[in-house]
């Protein structure tokens, strides 16, 4: 593996720089793991959301994941062509599609969750279980400071 490029000492002390480097490494590890199953991170995110939300309109799925509608169509098309989701007219509004996870999609999701867990274990291998839990708690507070300020009582969407 190539040696990391030089980074000035001042930058190596900045949380923003360190978080960016950690995020990039985590992204590479998870992306490589998911690729073994022929999926990209957006496929995995969409499968996870559909499994959690139940049958959901394509538009709502895109909004919940902050994915552009055109990109969401492509992701759902790919998942549907692989038999991982079904797309049927939404019984509440026939103009919309309801996306549901298939049996095959549930199996693939379980496998990609395992692979993601393995990649995250590799990412945090230098940490003890207590340190990993602390890291998760600290990162959660960083990305949701308003919840930390009110004691974490707000519910998550």
Protein backbone atom coordinates (compact mmCIF):
# COMPACT_ATOMS: atom_id res chain seq x y z
CA UNK A 1 0.00 0.00 0.00
CA UNK A 2 1.23 3.47 -0.85
CA UNK A 3 2.52 5.65 1.94
CA UNK A 4 0.14 8.41 3.06
CA UNK A 5 0.95 11.83 1.64
CA UNK A 6 2.55 14.35 3.95
CA UNK A 7 0.12 16.15 6.22
CA UNK A 8 1.22 19.13 8.30
CA UNK A 9 1.22 18.51 12.06
CA UNK A 10 -1.36 21.27 12.64
CA UNK A 11 -3.88 19.49 10.39
CA UNK A 12 -3.25 16.12 12.06
CA UNK A 13 -4.49 17.68 15.32
CA UNK A 14 -7.82 18.92 13.92
CA UNK A 15 -10.93 16.85 14.67
CA UNK A 16 -12.35 17.74 11.27
CA UNK A 17 -9.28 16.38 9.48
CA UNK A 18 -9.20 13.23 11.61
CA UNK A 19 -12.94 12.62 11.15
CA UNK A 20 -12.57 13.05 7.41
CA UNK A 21 -9.71 10.57 7.24
CA UNK A 22 -11.57 8.06 9.44
CA UNK A 23 -14.73 8.47 7.35
CA UNK A 24 -12.80 7.95 4.12
CA UNK A 25 -11.19 4.78 5.48
CA UNK A 26 -14.53 3.50 6.75
CA UNK A 27 -16.17 4.23 3.41
CA UNK A 28 -13.45 2.33 1.54
CA UNK A 29 -13.72 -0.69 3.86
CA UNK A 30 -17.53 -0.88 3.70
CA UNK A 31 -17.66 -0.21 -0.05
CA UNK A 32 -15.17 -3.03 -0.67
CA UNK A 33 -17.14 -5.39 1.58
CA UNK A 34 -20.46 -4.61 -0.13
CA UNK A 35 -18.87 -4.97 -3.55
CA UNK A 36 -18.25 -8.64 -2.73
CA UNK A 37 -22.05 -8.99 -2.84
CA UNK A 38 -22.31 -6.86 -5.98
CA UNK A 39 -23.85 -3.90 -4.17
CA UNK A 40 -22.92 -0.28 -3.66
CA UNK A 41 -23.53 1.66 -0.46
CA UNK A 42 -26.68 3.31 -1.85
CA UNK A 43 -28.11 -0.13 -2.69
CA UNK A 44 -27.47 -1.22 0.89
CA UNK A 45 -28.96 1.99 2.30
CA UNK A 46 -32.09 1.59 0.17
CA UNK A 47 -32.51 -2.08 1.13
CA UNK A 48 -32.06 -1.19 4.81
CA UNK A 49 -34.60 1.62 4.61
CA UNK A 50 -37.19 -0.47 2.76
CA UNK A 51 -36.76 -3.29 5.29
CA UNK A 52 -37.19 -0.85 8.17
CA UNK A 53 -39.99 1.31 6.74
CA UNK A 54 -41.99 -1.52 5.20
CA UNK A 55 -43.66 -0.92 1.86
CA UNK A 56 -42.80 2.69 1.15
CA UNK A 57 -43.40 4.97 -1.80
CA UNK A 58 -40.41 5.50 -4.03
CA UNK A 59 -40.64 9.25 -3.43
CA UNK A 60 -40.68 8.79 0.36
CA UNK A 61 -37.75 6.37 0.16
CA UNK A 62 -35.74 8.97 -1.75
CA UNK A 63 -36.66 11.72 0.71
CA UNK A 64 -35.83 9.57 3.73
CA UNK A 65 -32.35 8.82 2.33
CA UNK A 66 -31.82 12.33 0.85
CA UNK A 67 -31.36 10.84 -2.61
CA UNK A 68 -32.29 12.78 -5.74
CA UNK A 69 -35.48 11.32 -7.30
CA UNK A 70 -33.73 10.46 -10.59
CA UNK A 71 -30.99 8.62 -8.71
CA UNK A 72 -33.59 6.86 -6.56
CA UNK A 73 -35.33 5.56 -9.69
CA UNK A 74 -32.04 4.10 -10.93
CA UNK A 75 -31.27 2.49 -7.56
CA UNK A 76 -34.75 0.95 -7.28
CA UNK A 77 -34.55 -0.22 -10.92
CA UNK A 78 -31.25 -1.99 -10.16
CA UNK A 79 -32.58 -3.57 -6.97
CA UNK A 80 -35.76 -4.67 -8.72
CA UNK A 81 -33.86 -6.15 -11.69
CA UNK A 82 -31.89 -8.27 -9.20
CA UNK A 83 -35.09 -9.41 -7.47
CA UNK A 84 -34.19 -7.66 -4.20
CA UNK A 85 -37.25 -5.39 -4.06
CA UNK A 86 -40.70 -5.34 -5.59
CA UNK A 87 -42.41 -2.28 -6.99
CA UNK A 88 -46.19 -2.25 -7.13
CA UNK A 89 -48.78 0.51 -7.36
CA UNK A 90 -49.31 2.07 -3.93
CA UNK A 91 -52.80 1.07 -2.74
CA UNK A 92 -53.22 4.54 -1.14
CA UNK A 93 -52.29 6.39 -4.35
CA UNK A 94 -52.14 4.42 -7.62
CA UNK A 95 -49.97 7.17 -9.16
CA UNK A 96 -47.14 6.18 -6.81
CA UNK A 97 -45.09 3.03 -6.52
CA UNK A 98 -44.78 1.10 -3.25
CA UNK A 99 -41.37 -0.47 -2.78
CA UNK A 100 -41.08 -3.61 -0.63
CA UNK A 101 -38.14 -5.87 0.12
CA UNK A 102 -38.32 -9.39 -1.34
CA UNK A 103 -37.33 -12.63 0.37
CA UNK A 104 -34.14 -12.59 -1.68
CA UNK A 105 -33.60 -8.96 -0.68
CA UNK A 106 -33.88 -9.86 3.01
CA UNK A 107 -31.26 -12.58 2.58
CA UNK A 108 -28.94 -10.20 0.74
CA UNK A 109 -29.49 -7.50 3.36
CA UNK A 110 -28.55 -9.91 6.17
CA UNK A 111 -25.36 -10.77 4.29
CA UNK A 112 -24.46 -7.14 3.58
CA UNK A 113 -25.13 -6.24 7.22
CA UNK A 114 -22.68 -8.95 8.25
CA UNK A 115 -20.11 -7.65 5.77
CA UNK A 116 -20.65 -4.08 7.01
CA UNK A 117 -20.19 -5.24 10.59
CA UNK A 118 -16.93 -6.95 9.61
CA UNK A 119 -15.70 -3.81 7.85
CA UNK A 120 -16.57 -1.66 10.86
CA UNK A 121 -14.80 -4.13 13.15
CA UNK A 122 -11.72 -3.76 10.95
CA UNK A 123 -12.07 0.03 11.07
CA UNK A 124 -12.15 0.03 14.88
CA UNK A 125 -9.83 -2.92 15.53
CA UNK A 126 -7.46 -0.74 17.58
CA UNK A 127 -10.25 0.14 20.04
CA UNK A 128 -11.56 -1.83 22.99
CA UNK A 129 -15.30 -2.54 23.04
CA UNK A 130 -15.75 0.28 25.60
CA UNK A 131 -13.75 2.69 23.42
CA UNK A 132 -15.81 1.73 20.36
CA UNK A 133 -19.03 2.43 22.28
CA UNK A 134 -17.59 5.74 23.45
CA UNK A 135 -16.55 6.64 19.89
CA UNK A 136 -20.07 5.95 18.63
CA UNK A 137 -21.58 8.05 21.43
CA UNK A 138 -19.18 10.93 20.76
CA UNK A 139 -19.70 10.86 17.00
CA UNK A 140 -23.46 10.80 17.51
CA UNK A 141 -23.19 13.91 19.68
CA UNK A 142 -21.05 15.60 17.02
CA UNK A 143 -23.50 14.93 14.21
CA UNK A 144 -26.59 15.75 16.33
CA UNK A 145 -25.49 18.56 18.67
CA UNK A 146 -29.06 19.76 19.20
CA UNK A 147 -29.94 16.42 20.77
CA UNK A 148 -26.91 16.51 23.05
CA UNK A 149 -27.96 19.97 24.22
CA UNK A 150 -31.44 18.74 25.20
CA UNK A 151 -30.27 15.54 26.83
CA UNK A 152 -30.79 13.28 23.79
CA UNK A 153 -34.57 13.19 24.30
CA UNK A 154 -35.54 13.98 20.71
CA UNK A 155 -36.69 11.09 18.60
CA UNK A 156 -34.94 10.17 15.39
CA UNK A 157 -36.75 10.16 12.04
